N, C-alpha and C. Protein backbone atom coordinates (compact mmCIF):
# COMPACT_ATOMS: atom_id res chain seq x y z
N MET A 1 -48.25 -43.39 234.58
CA MET A 1 -48.73 -43.65 233.14
C MET A 1 -47.90 -45.08 233.39
N LEU A 2 -48.19 -46.48 233.58
CA LEU A 2 -46.99 -47.72 233.45
C LEU A 2 -46.67 -48.15 232.05
N VAL A 3 -44.57 -47.97 232.18
CA VAL A 3 -44.69 -47.84 231.44
C VAL A 3 -43.64 -49.37 230.94
N LEU A 4 -44.49 -50.38 229.63
CA LEU A 4 -44.24 -52.12 229.18
C LEU A 4 -43.55 -51.81 228.52
N ASP A 5 -42.07 -52.66 228.72
CA ASP A 5 -41.39 -53.47 227.20
C ASP A 5 -41.80 -53.99 226.63
N THR A 6 -41.18 -54.44 225.38
CA THR A 6 -41.47 -54.48 223.65
C THR A 6 -42.09 -56.14 224.38
N LYS A 7 -41.48 -57.25 224.90
CA LYS A 7 -41.70 -58.43 225.62
C LYS A 7 -42.95 -58.40 226.13
N THR A 8 -43.25 -57.46 227.11
CA THR A 8 -44.59 -58.15 228.07
C THR A 8 -45.53 -57.47 227.39
N ARG A 9 -45.42 -56.10 226.73
CA ARG A 9 -46.78 -55.85 225.46
C ARG A 9 -46.75 -56.84 224.97
N VAL A 10 -46.01 -57.48 224.45
CA VAL A 10 -46.41 -58.48 222.92
C VAL A 10 -48.14 -59.60 223.87
N GLN A 11 -46.73 -60.20 225.18
CA GLN A 11 -47.03 -60.96 225.94
C GLN A 11 -48.54 -60.66 226.10
N LEU A 12 -48.93 -59.71 226.43
CA LEU A 12 -50.38 -59.38 226.95
C LEU A 12 -50.96 -59.79 225.68
N ARG A 13 -51.01 -57.82 224.53
CA ARG A 13 -51.61 -58.78 223.24
C ARG A 13 -52.05 -60.24 223.58
N LYS A 14 -51.39 -61.09 222.91
CA LYS A 14 -51.48 -62.93 223.06
C LYS A 14 -52.35 -62.59 224.54
N ASP A 15 -51.97 -62.67 225.61
CA ASP A 15 -53.58 -62.84 226.84
C ASP A 15 -54.22 -61.57 226.53
N ALA A 16 -54.62 -61.06 225.82
CA ALA A 16 -55.71 -60.48 226.04
C ALA A 16 -56.75 -60.69 224.71
N HIS A 17 -56.12 -61.74 223.80
CA HIS A 17 -56.62 -61.94 222.32
C HIS A 17 -58.17 -62.17 222.60
N HIS A 18 -58.09 -63.57 223.87
CA HIS A 18 -59.65 -63.80 223.96
C HIS A 18 -60.68 -63.74 224.85
N LEU A 19 -60.17 -61.91 225.10
CA LEU A 19 -60.67 -61.28 225.96
C LEU A 19 -61.84 -61.20 225.20
N HIS A 20 -63.23 -60.32 226.21
CA HIS A 20 -64.82 -59.61 225.45
C HIS A 20 -64.66 -58.40 226.57
N PRO A 21 -64.38 -57.73 225.38
CA PRO A 21 -64.59 -55.44 226.08
C PRO A 21 -65.36 -55.75 227.51
N LEU A 22 -65.07 -55.31 228.72
CA LEU A 22 -66.13 -55.24 229.91
C LEU A 22 -66.04 -54.01 230.70
N VAL A 23 -66.06 -53.17 229.48
CA VAL A 23 -66.24 -51.31 229.57
C VAL A 23 -66.65 -50.98 227.97
N LEU A 24 -67.38 -50.60 228.62
CA LEU A 24 -67.76 -50.06 226.71
C LEU A 24 -68.08 -47.70 227.47
N ILE A 25 -67.24 -47.25 226.42
CA ILE A 25 -67.35 -46.18 226.68
C ILE A 25 -68.00 -45.61 225.83
N GLY A 26 -69.29 -45.20 226.19
CA GLY A 26 -70.50 -44.37 225.15
C GLY A 26 -70.15 -42.78 224.85
N ASP A 27 -71.35 -42.72 224.13
CA ASP A 27 -71.77 -41.33 223.58
C ASP A 27 -71.38 -40.22 224.25
N SER A 28 -71.39 -40.40 225.73
CA SER A 28 -71.16 -39.93 226.93
C SER A 28 -70.15 -38.67 227.84
N GLY A 29 -69.18 -40.10 226.28
CA GLY A 29 -67.73 -39.61 226.64
C GLY A 29 -67.06 -40.52 227.69
N LEU A 30 -65.73 -39.62 228.99
CA LEU A 30 -65.13 -40.77 229.50
C LEU A 30 -65.32 -39.76 230.89
N THR A 31 -66.31 -40.64 231.76
CA THR A 31 -67.08 -40.05 233.03
C THR A 31 -66.42 -39.96 234.13
N PRO A 32 -66.59 -40.02 235.40
CA PRO A 32 -66.18 -40.60 235.86
C PRO A 32 -67.02 -41.66 236.70
N ALA A 33 -67.85 -42.25 235.94
CA ALA A 33 -68.64 -43.76 236.74
C ALA A 33 -67.83 -44.59 235.58
N VAL A 34 -67.04 -43.74 234.28
CA VAL A 34 -66.96 -44.92 233.60
C VAL A 34 -65.38 -45.29 233.96
N ILE A 35 -64.80 -44.25 234.70
CA ILE A 35 -62.96 -44.11 235.56
C ILE A 35 -63.75 -45.44 236.28
N ASN A 36 -64.33 -44.64 236.78
CA ASN A 36 -64.71 -45.47 238.46
C ASN A 36 -64.61 -47.34 238.02
N GLU A 37 -65.54 -48.03 237.07
CA GLU A 37 -65.62 -49.43 236.63
C GLU A 37 -64.17 -49.20 236.07
N ILE A 38 -63.63 -48.75 234.26
CA ILE A 38 -62.24 -49.14 234.18
C ILE A 38 -61.72 -49.33 235.95
N SER A 39 -61.95 -48.85 236.83
CA SER A 39 -60.10 -48.74 238.02
C SER A 39 -60.75 -50.14 239.22
N ARG A 40 -61.75 -50.78 238.66
CA ARG A 40 -62.49 -51.94 239.63
C ARG A 40 -62.51 -52.66 239.04
N ASN A 41 -63.14 -52.92 237.17
CA ASN A 41 -62.16 -54.33 236.67
C ASN A 41 -60.39 -54.37 236.56
N LEU A 42 -59.84 -53.54 236.14
CA LEU A 42 -58.09 -53.38 236.29
C LEU A 42 -57.99 -54.30 238.15
N ASP A 43 -58.44 -53.96 238.91
CA ASP A 43 -58.41 -54.23 239.90
C ASP A 43 -58.79 -55.94 240.27
N ILE A 44 -60.23 -56.56 240.03
CA ILE A 44 -59.84 -57.81 239.20
C ILE A 44 -59.42 -58.48 238.44
N HIS A 45 -59.27 -57.82 237.51
CA HIS A 45 -59.19 -58.69 236.58
C HIS A 45 -57.52 -58.40 235.76
N GLY A 46 -56.73 -57.23 236.01
CA GLY A 46 -55.17 -56.32 235.99
C GLY A 46 -55.19 -55.85 234.47
N LEU A 47 -56.09 -57.18 233.37
CA LEU A 47 -55.91 -57.26 232.01
C LEU A 47 -57.14 -56.56 231.44
N ILE A 48 -57.42 -56.30 230.68
CA ILE A 48 -58.89 -55.13 230.59
C ILE A 48 -59.15 -54.70 228.69
N LYS A 49 -60.17 -54.39 228.17
CA LYS A 49 -60.66 -54.54 226.96
C LYS A 49 -61.72 -53.32 227.05
N ILE A 50 -61.95 -52.31 226.53
CA ILE A 50 -62.68 -51.10 226.36
C ILE A 50 -63.00 -51.23 225.42
N ARG A 51 -64.68 -50.83 224.72
CA ARG A 51 -64.75 -50.29 223.54
C ARG A 51 -65.59 -49.25 223.70
N ALA A 52 -64.99 -48.51 223.11
CA ALA A 52 -65.10 -46.88 222.79
C ALA A 52 -65.90 -47.04 221.79
N SER A 53 -67.00 -45.99 221.81
CA SER A 53 -68.66 -45.70 220.90
C SER A 53 -67.68 -44.76 219.74
N THR A 54 -66.80 -43.07 219.28
CA THR A 54 -66.55 -43.06 219.00
C THR A 54 -65.99 -43.33 217.72
N ASP A 55 -65.89 -42.96 216.75
CA ASP A 55 -65.36 -43.49 214.91
C ASP A 55 -64.29 -42.34 214.69
N GLU A 56 -64.15 -41.09 216.05
CA GLU A 56 -62.62 -39.81 215.86
C GLU A 56 -61.43 -41.04 216.75
N ARG A 57 -60.44 -41.46 215.61
CA ARG A 57 -59.06 -41.75 216.29
C ARG A 57 -58.63 -40.77 217.42
N GLU A 58 -58.53 -39.36 216.84
CA GLU A 58 -57.66 -38.94 218.10
C GLU A 58 -58.39 -39.06 218.96
N GLN A 59 -59.76 -38.60 219.56
CA GLN A 59 -60.41 -38.59 220.85
C GLN A 59 -60.23 -39.96 221.54
N ARG A 60 -60.26 -41.23 220.79
CA ARG A 60 -59.78 -42.59 221.05
C ARG A 60 -58.19 -42.09 221.84
N LYS A 61 -57.31 -41.64 221.11
CA LYS A 61 -56.07 -41.85 221.86
C LYS A 61 -56.16 -40.80 222.61
N ALA A 62 -57.15 -39.68 223.13
CA ALA A 62 -56.83 -38.32 223.96
C ALA A 62 -57.80 -39.88 225.86
N TRP A 63 -57.86 -40.65 225.61
CA TRP A 63 -59.85 -41.57 226.17
C TRP A 63 -58.32 -42.09 227.00
N TRP A 64 -57.43 -42.80 225.90
CA TRP A 64 -56.51 -43.85 226.53
C TRP A 64 -55.61 -43.18 227.24
N ASP A 65 -55.21 -42.06 227.11
CA ASP A 65 -54.08 -41.43 227.65
C ASP A 65 -54.61 -40.45 228.91
N ASP A 66 -56.14 -40.23 229.10
CA ASP A 66 -56.70 -40.19 230.83
C ASP A 66 -56.78 -41.90 231.24
N ILE A 67 -57.11 -42.42 230.78
CA ILE A 67 -57.23 -43.45 231.67
C ILE A 67 -56.24 -44.01 232.57
N CYS A 68 -54.75 -44.64 231.38
CA CYS A 68 -54.00 -44.83 231.88
C CYS A 68 -53.35 -43.90 232.62
N THR A 69 -53.32 -42.09 232.82
CA THR A 69 -52.61 -41.66 233.51
C THR A 69 -53.53 -41.16 234.85
N SER A 70 -54.29 -41.36 234.99
CA SER A 70 -55.14 -41.60 236.09
C SER A 70 -55.24 -42.12 236.97
N LEU A 71 -54.96 -43.60 236.45
CA LEU A 71 -55.29 -44.93 236.76
C LEU A 71 -53.80 -45.34 236.86
N HIS A 72 -52.87 -44.90 236.04
CA HIS A 72 -51.69 -46.00 236.68
C HIS A 72 -51.93 -46.85 235.55
N ALA A 73 -52.10 -46.67 235.09
CA ALA A 73 -52.26 -48.10 233.92
C ALA A 73 -51.34 -48.14 233.07
N ALA A 74 -50.85 -49.31 232.41
CA ALA A 74 -50.49 -49.17 231.32
C ALA A 74 -51.20 -49.92 229.57
N PRO A 75 -50.79 -49.12 228.79
CA PRO A 75 -51.22 -49.35 226.99
C PRO A 75 -51.12 -50.17 226.92
N VAL A 76 -51.60 -51.34 225.98
CA VAL A 76 -50.85 -52.64 225.59
C VAL A 76 -50.72 -52.32 224.18
N GLY A 77 -52.38 -52.32 224.14
CA GLY A 77 -52.33 -52.23 222.40
C GLY A 77 -53.90 -51.75 222.29
N ALA A 78 -54.05 -51.19 221.23
CA ALA A 78 -55.63 -50.74 220.92
C ALA A 78 -55.71 -51.39 219.06
N VAL A 79 -57.21 -52.00 218.92
CA VAL A 79 -57.43 -52.52 217.78
C VAL A 79 -58.87 -52.08 216.96
N GLY A 80 -58.86 -51.40 216.07
CA GLY A 80 -60.28 -50.43 216.31
C GLY A 80 -60.59 -49.47 217.28
N LYS A 81 -61.74 -50.05 218.10
CA LYS A 81 -62.32 -49.46 218.54
C LYS A 81 -62.23 -50.02 220.28
N LEU A 82 -61.68 -50.90 220.18
CA LEU A 82 -61.09 -51.82 221.59
C LEU A 82 -60.00 -51.40 221.40
N LEU A 83 -59.35 -50.87 223.17
CA LEU A 83 -58.83 -50.29 223.76
C LEU A 83 -58.52 -51.57 224.71
N ILE A 84 -56.89 -51.78 224.82
CA ILE A 84 -56.67 -52.97 225.93
C ILE A 84 -55.40 -52.50 226.97
N LEU A 85 -55.78 -52.30 228.07
CA LEU A 85 -55.13 -52.22 229.02
C LEU A 85 -54.77 -53.17 230.65
N PHE A 86 -53.31 -52.79 231.06
CA PHE A 86 -52.75 -53.83 231.79
C PHE A 86 -52.17 -52.56 233.06
N ARG A 87 -53.17 -53.05 234.33
CA ARG A 87 -52.53 -52.80 235.44
C ARG A 87 -52.26 -54.62 236.44
N PRO A 88 -51.19 -54.16 237.09
CA PRO A 88 -50.59 -55.27 237.25
C PRO A 88 -52.07 -55.28 238.55
N LYS A 89 -52.46 -56.56 238.94
CA LYS A 89 -52.97 -56.52 240.61
C LYS A 89 -51.86 -56.66 241.64
N VAL A 90 -52.54 -56.02 242.40
CA VAL A 90 -52.37 -55.69 244.16
C VAL A 90 -52.58 -56.93 245.01
N VAL A 91 -51.38 -57.50 245.17
CA VAL A 91 -51.94 -58.64 246.00
C VAL A 91 -51.88 -58.57 247.82
N LYS A 92 -52.91 -59.01 248.26
CA LYS A 92 -52.78 -58.18 249.20
C LYS A 92 -52.68 -59.52 250.65
N PRO A 93 -51.96 -59.34 251.79
CA PRO A 93 -51.04 -60.34 252.42
C PRO A 93 -52.06 -61.35 252.92
N ASP A 94 -53.60 -60.77 252.94
CA ASP A 94 -54.01 -61.62 253.56
C ASP A 94 -54.14 -63.08 252.28
N ASP A 95 -54.40 -62.50 251.01
CA ASP A 95 -54.75 -63.95 250.04
C ASP A 95 -53.91 -64.00 249.86
N SER A 96 -51.97 -63.69 249.89
CA SER A 96 -50.74 -64.42 249.73
C SER A 96 -50.79 -65.75 250.40
N ALA A 97 -51.30 -65.26 251.66
CA ALA A 97 -51.82 -65.92 253.00
C ALA A 97 -52.43 -67.77 252.83
N LYS A 98 -53.61 -67.01 252.12
CA LYS A 98 -54.52 -67.70 251.86
C LYS A 98 -53.74 -69.59 250.97
N MET A 99 -53.14 -68.48 249.84
CA MET A 99 -53.00 -69.27 248.21
C MET A 99 -52.09 -70.17 249.22
N ALA A 100 -50.57 -69.53 250.04
CA ALA A 100 -50.21 -70.12 250.00
C ALA A 100 -50.68 -71.50 251.11
N VAL A 101 -51.04 -71.15 251.93
CA VAL A 101 -51.67 -72.66 252.86
C VAL A 101 -52.92 -73.78 251.67
N ASN A 102 -53.16 -73.24 251.10
CA ASN A 102 -53.65 -74.30 249.87
C ASN A 102 -53.11 -74.51 248.89
N LYS A 103 -51.41 -74.36 247.99
CA LYS A 103 -50.86 -75.19 247.83
C LYS A 103 -50.54 -76.18 248.49
N LYS A 104 -50.14 -76.21 249.97
CA LYS A 104 -49.25 -76.64 250.74
C LYS A 104 -50.27 -77.89 250.49
N THR A 105 -51.71 -77.36 251.22
CA THR A 105 -52.39 -78.44 251.88
C THR A 105 -53.40 -79.57 250.42
N ARG A 106 -52.74 -79.17 248.94
CA ARG A 106 -53.53 -79.35 247.80
C ARG A 106 -54.34 -78.97 247.92
N ARG A 107 -55.31 -78.74 248.25
CA ARG A 107 -56.85 -78.16 248.57
C ARG A 107 -57.66 -77.59 246.75
N ARG A 108 -58.92 -77.53 246.98
CA ARG A 108 -59.51 -76.81 246.04
C ARG A 108 -58.67 -75.38 246.19
N SER A 109 -58.15 -74.20 245.27
CA SER A 109 -58.51 -72.74 245.80
C SER A 109 -59.20 -72.16 245.12
N ALA A 110 -59.03 -70.45 245.88
CA ALA A 110 -60.37 -69.68 245.81
C ALA A 110 -60.13 -68.95 244.61
N ASN A 111 -59.51 -69.51 243.37
CA ASN A 111 -59.54 -68.70 242.36
C ASN A 111 -60.06 -70.04 240.75
N GLY A 112 -61.28 -69.89 241.45
CA GLY A 112 -62.21 -71.08 239.91
C GLY A 112 -61.98 -72.09 240.08
N GLY A 113 -61.51 -72.95 241.61
CA GLY A 113 -61.79 -74.60 241.62
C GLY A 113 -60.34 -75.13 241.68
N LEU A 114 -59.75 -74.66 241.26
CA LEU A 114 -58.22 -74.72 240.33
C LEU A 114 -57.72 -75.39 241.70
N LYS A 115 -56.96 -76.79 241.04
CA LYS A 115 -55.99 -77.47 241.67
C LYS A 115 -54.65 -78.28 241.41
N THR A 116 -54.22 -78.16 242.32
CA THR A 116 -52.64 -78.27 241.72
C THR A 116 -52.26 -79.58 242.34
N VAL A 117 -52.23 -80.46 241.77
CA VAL A 117 -51.87 -81.86 241.52
C VAL A 117 -50.61 -82.40 241.92
N THR A 118 -49.66 -83.53 242.56
CA THR A 118 -48.28 -83.88 241.36
C THR A 118 -48.68 -85.47 241.07
N VAL A 119 -47.70 -84.88 239.56
CA VAL A 119 -47.59 -86.56 239.25
C VAL A 119 -46.54 -87.18 239.62
N VAL A 120 -46.24 -88.86 239.97
CA VAL A 120 -45.44 -88.78 239.27
C VAL A 120 -45.36 -90.64 238.83
N LYS A 121 -44.95 -89.45 237.38
CA LYS A 121 -44.50 -90.96 236.58
C LYS A 121 -43.42 -91.76 236.43
N PRO A 122 -43.21 -93.28 236.48
CA PRO A 122 -42.37 -93.71 236.92
C PRO A 122 -41.22 -94.33 235.06
N SER A 123 -39.80 -93.91 235.37
CA SER A 123 -39.13 -94.18 234.51
C SER A 123 -38.98 -95.84 233.47
N ALA A 124 -38.83 -95.89 232.35
CA ALA A 124 -38.43 -96.78 231.95
C ALA A 124 -37.49 -98.09 232.89
N ASN A 125 -35.95 -96.79 232.67
CA ASN A 125 -34.99 -97.18 233.34
C ASN A 125 -35.29 -97.82 234.68
N PRO A 126 -35.43 -98.45 235.74
CA PRO A 126 -34.98 -98.33 237.30
C PRO A 126 -34.49 -98.05 237.67
N LYS A 127 -32.77 -97.44 237.00
CA LYS A 127 -31.78 -96.49 237.41
C LYS A 127 -32.43 -95.90 237.54
N ARG A 128 -33.43 -94.86 236.91
CA ARG A 128 -33.69 -92.91 237.18
C ARG A 128 -34.55 -93.26 237.46
N PRO A 129 -34.90 -91.74 238.25
CA PRO A 129 -35.69 -91.61 239.36
C PRO A 129 -37.05 -91.25 239.20
N HIS A 130 -37.86 -91.46 239.35
CA HIS A 130 -39.23 -90.79 238.59
C HIS A 130 -39.27 -89.76 238.91
N LYS A 131 -40.35 -89.41 237.90
CA LYS A 131 -40.65 -88.56 237.67
C LYS A 131 -41.76 -87.72 237.88
N LYS A 132 -41.64 -86.42 239.12
CA LYS A 132 -42.90 -85.78 239.56
C LYS A 132 -43.10 -84.36 238.54
N ILE A 133 -44.27 -84.42 238.21
CA ILE A 133 -44.88 -83.05 237.43
C ILE A 133 -45.84 -82.61 238.24
N GLU A 134 -45.90 -81.45 238.31
CA GLU A 134 -47.26 -80.65 238.78
C GLU A 134 -47.74 -80.70 238.42
N VAL A 135 -49.16 -80.10 237.94
CA VAL A 135 -50.30 -81.08 237.11
C VAL A 135 -51.26 -79.58 237.85
N THR A 136 -52.03 -78.45 237.04
CA THR A 136 -52.70 -77.92 237.67
C THR A 136 -54.40 -78.18 236.82
N LEU A 137 -55.28 -78.49 237.44
CA LEU A 137 -56.74 -79.41 236.81
C LEU A 137 -57.74 -77.87 237.22
N LYS A 138 -58.17 -77.82 236.26
CA LYS A 138 -59.76 -77.38 236.36
C LYS A 138 -60.82 -78.34 236.73
N GLY A 139 -62.07 -77.61 237.34
CA GLY A 139 -62.63 -78.04 238.00
C GLY A 139 -63.81 -79.69 237.24
N ASN A 140 -63.50 -79.47 235.96
CA ASN A 140 -63.65 -80.21 235.01
C ASN A 140 -62.90 -81.20 234.29
N GLU A 141 -62.20 -81.84 235.29
CA GLU A 141 -60.80 -82.27 234.29
C GLU A 141 -60.11 -83.36 235.74
N ARG A 142 -59.67 -84.37 235.07
CA ARG A 142 -59.77 -85.57 236.57
C ARG A 142 -57.93 -86.20 235.62
N ILE A 143 -57.08 -87.04 236.33
CA ILE A 143 -56.37 -87.60 235.97
C ILE A 143 -56.20 -89.43 235.40
N THR A 144 -56.18 -89.84 234.19
CA THR A 144 -55.80 -90.78 234.51
C THR A 144 -54.42 -92.07 234.94
N PHE A 145 -54.33 -93.07 235.29
CA PHE A 145 -53.47 -93.88 235.51
C PHE A 145 -52.40 -93.18 235.17
N GLY A 146 -51.81 -93.37 233.19
CA GLY A 146 -51.22 -92.48 232.63
C GLY A 146 -50.23 -91.71 233.51
N GLY A 147 -51.09 -90.77 233.32
CA GLY A 147 -50.84 -89.15 234.37
C GLY A 147 -51.04 -87.99 233.26
N LEU A 148 -52.00 -88.56 232.25
CA LEU A 148 -52.70 -87.35 231.71
C LEU A 148 -53.99 -87.07 231.66
N VAL A 149 -54.23 -85.85 231.39
CA VAL A 149 -55.43 -84.64 232.36
C VAL A 149 -56.24 -84.59 231.40
N LYS A 150 -57.54 -84.89 231.36
CA LYS A 150 -58.86 -85.27 230.54
C LYS A 150 -60.32 -84.99 230.95
N PRO A 151 -60.98 -84.76 230.03
CA PRO A 151 -62.17 -84.62 230.82
C PRO A 151 -62.99 -85.40 231.82
N ARG A 152 -63.12 -84.94 232.51
CA ARG A 152 -64.63 -86.13 233.81
C ARG A 152 -65.26 -86.67 232.74
N HIS A 153 -65.95 -87.82 233.10
CA HIS A 153 -66.77 -88.88 232.18
C HIS A 153 -68.24 -87.68 231.94
N VAL A 154 -68.81 -88.26 230.69
CA VAL A 154 -69.64 -88.04 230.80
C VAL A 154 -71.21 -88.13 230.88
N ARG A 155 -72.17 -87.64 231.65
CA ARG A 155 -73.63 -87.83 232.54
C ARG A 155 -73.92 -88.79 231.47
N GLN A 156 -74.71 -89.94 232.58
CA GLN A 156 -75.33 -90.84 231.50
C GLN A 156 -76.53 -89.67 230.87
N LYS A 157 -77.34 -89.96 229.96
CA LYS A 157 -78.72 -89.05 229.31
C LYS A 157 -79.14 -90.60 229.45
N SER A 158 -80.81 -89.38 230.18
CA SER A 158 -81.48 -90.85 230.58
C SER A 158 -82.51 -91.27 229.44
N ALA A 159 -83.18 -92.22 229.35
CA ALA A 159 -83.52 -92.93 228.20
C ALA A 159 -84.58 -92.56 228.03
N LYS A 160 -85.51 -91.09 228.25
CA LYS A 160 -86.88 -90.83 228.13
C LYS A 160 -86.35 -90.32 227.13
N LYS A 161 -84.90 -89.34 227.05
CA LYS A 161 -85.50 -88.11 226.55
C LYS A 161 -83.88 -88.40 225.16
N LEU A 162 -83.59 -89.80 225.15
CA LEU A 162 -82.99 -90.81 224.05
C LEU A 162 -83.78 -91.07 223.35
N ALA A 163 -85.09 -90.96 223.65
CA ALA A 163 -85.82 -91.96 222.99
C ALA A 163 -87.03 -90.95 222.59
N MET A 164 -87.20 -89.43 223.27
CA MET A 164 -87.77 -87.88 222.61
C MET A 164 -86.69 -87.76 221.29
N LYS A 165 -85.76 -87.97 221.24
CA LYS A 165 -84.65 -87.33 220.14
C LYS A 165 -84.94 -88.17 218.85
N ALA A 166 -85.04 -89.96 219.14
CA ALA A 166 -84.96 -90.25 217.90
C ALA A 166 -86.28 -90.54 217.66
N GLU A 167 -87.31 -89.92 217.83
CA GLU A 167 -88.76 -90.06 217.39
C GLU A 167 -89.06 -88.37 216.20
């Protein structure tokens, strides 16, 4: 079982707050299929939530310990029937090479359309150097001339749809 320090555990709990449970442990309990599904999701995401169907606290704690020991994962926290697990992602050598090339060329990467852009803001004092800031843009964001990150412009709506709404 992987052991985390307190600061890391607190940060991971914050990161897991918005996540939804990816794996549900049903009435049949902790089967090999459920273990394989948890392992697959830990490989993909690294930090996951699991929902347990039982009302017994001791049973959930036993499942949690079994999962952590068999999959070499770290228990982050448990809130009610939700169990939060963490296992660091294994970076393959091929993936790191792709990421390095994408970062150098500043093209869209394979991780969800994120784009890293360098923004140069001129300083008010001509004797000071310009500020260079690296900004990561999502697929639906743009940079203004002032260097601010804003959502892309809204698509125009057709006149027919607007007329139908007015009626």
